Protein backbone atom coordinates (compact mmCIF):
# COMPACT_ATOMS: atom_id res chain seq x y z
CA MET A 1 -108.23 29.39 32.36
CA LYS A 2 -111.66 29.25 33.96
CA LYS A 3 -111.85 27.49 37.32
CA TYR A 4 -114.93 25.54 38.35
CA GLN A 5 -115.55 25.80 42.09
CA MET A 6 -117.18 22.62 43.33
CA THR A 7 -117.64 20.44 46.34
CA LYS A 8 -115.88 17.08 46.41
CA GLU A 9 -119.26 15.37 45.95
CA GLY A 10 -119.99 17.53 42.91
CA LEU A 11 -116.67 16.60 41.30
CA LEU A 12 -117.34 12.90 41.90
CA LYS A 13 -120.72 13.27 40.20
CA VAL A 14 -119.12 14.94 37.15
CA GLU A 15 -116.43 12.24 36.98
CA LYS A 16 -119.09 9.50 37.09
CA GLU A 17 -121.07 11.17 34.29
CA LEU A 18 -117.86 11.50 32.26
CA GLU A 19 -117.08 7.81 32.72
CA THR A 20 -120.59 6.88 31.58
CA LEU A 21 -120.27 8.98 28.42
CA VAL A 22 -116.81 7.59 27.60
CA ASN A 23 -118.20 4.07 27.99
CA ARG A 24 -121.04 4.93 25.56
CA ARG A 25 -118.56 5.57 22.73
CA SER A 26 -118.37 1.91 21.70
CA GLU A 27 -122.16 1.54 21.78
CA ILE A 28 -122.59 4.56 19.51
CA SER A 29 -119.82 3.34 17.18
CA GLU A 30 -121.64 0.02 16.85
CA LYS A 31 -124.85 1.84 15.93
CA ILE A 32 -123.01 3.81 13.24
CA LYS A 33 -121.37 0.66 11.90
CA TYR A 34 -124.72 -1.15 11.75
CA ALA A 35 -126.40 1.81 10.04
CA LYS A 36 -123.62 2.00 7.42
CA GLU A 37 -124.18 -1.64 6.59
CA GLN A 38 -127.79 -0.83 5.71
CA GLY A 39 -126.74 0.95 2.53
CA ASP A 40 -127.58 4.44 1.25
CA LEU A 41 -126.43 6.88 3.93
CA LYS A 42 -128.25 9.92 2.49
CA GLU A 43 -131.66 8.59 3.48
CA ASN A 44 -130.61 6.46 6.44
CA ALA A 45 -132.28 7.94 9.52
CA GLU A 46 -130.54 5.49 11.88
CA TYR A 47 -127.15 6.60 10.58
CA HIS A 48 -127.93 10.31 10.97
CA GLU A 49 -129.36 9.77 14.45
CA ALA A 50 -126.29 7.80 15.53
CA LYS A 51 -123.95 10.47 14.11
CA ASN A 52 -125.88 13.18 15.99
CA ASP A 53 -125.73 11.08 19.14
CA MET A 54 -121.97 10.70 18.73
CA SER A 55 -121.52 14.42 18.18
CA PHE A 56 -123.53 15.28 21.30
CA ASN A 57 -121.71 12.64 23.35
CA GLU A 58 -118.26 13.86 22.28
CA SER A 59 -119.05 17.53 22.95
CA LYS A 60 -120.36 16.64 26.41
CA ILE A 61 -117.21 14.59 27.09
CA LEU A 62 -115.04 17.58 26.16
CA GLU A 63 -117.09 19.86 28.43
CA LEU A 64 -116.87 17.47 31.39
CA GLN A 65 -113.14 16.86 30.84
CA SER A 66 -112.60 20.61 31.00
CA ILE A 67 -114.60 20.84 34.23
CA VAL A 68 -112.65 17.97 35.82
CA ARG A 69 -109.30 19.39 34.66
CA ASN A 70 -110.12 22.86 35.99
CA ALA A 71 -112.06 21.91 39.10
CA GLU A 72 -111.24 23.75 42.27
CA ILE A 73 -112.49 21.82 45.28
CA ILE A 74 -114.08 24.07 47.84
CA ASN A 75 -112.44 23.31 51.14
CA HIS A 76 -115.33 24.68 53.16
CA LYS A 77 -114.37 24.75 56.78
CA ILE A 78 -117.38 24.24 58.96
CA ASN A 79 -117.97 27.82 59.96
CA ASN A 80 -121.38 28.50 61.33
CA GLU A 81 -120.61 32.20 61.61
CA PHE A 82 -120.61 33.21 57.93
CA VAL A 83 -122.29 31.76 54.82
CA GLY A 84 -119.89 30.49 52.15
CA ILE A 85 -119.77 27.95 49.33
CA GLY A 86 -120.64 24.59 50.84
CA SER A 87 -122.80 26.14 53.59
CA THR A 88 -126.28 24.79 54.19
CA ILE A 89 -128.56 27.46 55.56
CA LYS A 90 -132.13 27.77 56.80
CA VAL A 91 -133.79 30.88 55.40
CA GLU A 92 -137.13 32.60 56.00
CA SER A 93 -138.98 34.66 53.40
CA LYS A 94 -142.60 35.39 52.52
CA PHE A 95 -142.54 31.98 50.80
CA GLY A 96 -141.87 30.21 54.10
CA ILE A 97 -138.81 28.55 55.58
CA LYS A 98 -136.44 26.76 53.20
CA GLU A 99 -133.02 25.17 53.33
CA TYR A 100 -130.40 25.96 50.70
CA THR A 101 -126.89 24.71 50.09
CA LEU A 102 -124.55 27.12 48.33
CA VAL A 103 -122.51 25.44 45.60
CA GLY A 104 -120.45 26.35 42.56
CA ALA A 105 -122.32 27.08 39.32
CA THR A 106 -121.66 23.63 37.82
CA GLU A 107 -123.41 21.91 40.75
CA ALA A 108 -126.45 24.16 41.01
CA ASN A 109 -129.81 22.40 41.09
CA PRO A 110 -132.49 24.67 42.57
CA LEU A 111 -135.03 21.82 42.70
CA ASP A 112 -132.69 20.07 45.18
CA GLY A 113 -132.09 23.27 47.12
CA LYS A 114 -128.57 23.68 45.69
CA ILE A 115 -128.06 27.25 44.53
CA SER A 116 -125.07 28.78 42.85
CA ASP A 117 -122.98 31.35 44.65
CA GLN A 118 -123.16 33.29 41.36
CA SER A 119 -126.96 33.44 41.23
CA PRO A 120 -128.58 36.63 42.55
CA LEU A 121 -129.97 34.83 45.60
CA GLY A 122 -126.80 32.82 46.26
CA ALA A 123 -124.61 35.92 45.92
CA ALA A 124 -126.89 37.74 48.39
CA PHE A 125 -126.43 34.93 50.94
CA MET A 126 -122.63 34.92 50.73
CA ASN A 127 -120.76 36.20 53.80
CA ARG A 128 -123.97 36.83 55.76
CA LYS A 129 -124.45 35.92 59.42
CA SER A 130 -127.23 34.01 61.13
CA GLY A 131 -130.10 36.37 62.00
CA GLU A 132 -129.22 38.84 59.25
CA GLU A 133 -132.08 40.30 57.20
CA PHE A 134 -131.66 41.68 53.69
CA LYS A 135 -133.46 42.31 50.41
CA VAL A 136 -132.74 40.70 47.05
CA GLU A 137 -133.84 41.64 43.53
CA THR A 138 -135.52 38.55 42.06
CA PRO A 139 -137.58 37.94 38.92
CA ALA A 140 -140.66 38.26 41.18
CA GLY A 141 -139.46 41.66 42.44
CA ILE A 142 -137.60 42.68 45.58
CA GLN A 143 -137.87 39.99 48.28
CA LYS A 144 -136.91 40.12 51.93
CA TYR A 145 -134.93 37.23 53.43
CA ARG A 146 -133.65 36.38 56.88
CA ILE A 147 -131.02 33.76 57.62
CA LEU A 148 -132.38 31.73 60.51
CA GLU A 149 -129.45 29.37 60.91
CA ILE A 150 -126.21 28.30 59.27
CA LEU A 151 -126.44 24.54 59.56
CA SER A 152 -123.02 23.63 58.17
């Protein structure tokens, strides 16, 4: 069975999303019921839209239930010596200085600076020390990085 490595905060976020989707079930059922009352279902756009909405909602619920059931909370000990999942690091590259937090794949959100330990860049950061320089193959070509500091 696949395990989903996550931070405690990431699991709480997934659980909240799951609760929201479960609570939407009755709303969607009401839409389907209303659309059925309108008559001919073959040409009833509201009915088809509500059925599609229900299908999407249910598949997302199943996905999130699987994640919650198989979540493995990362018990990241604050270790400022080596980068690991849960570490926040300050990194220098030709693009400037940026902060990243390494997270499990289900929590990744590069726009928020959260990168997966399974991504090429995240994997390259893993188990590195502060001050270490290295090169990474990226879509933009080989890039040089230096870990300035392991913040947490």
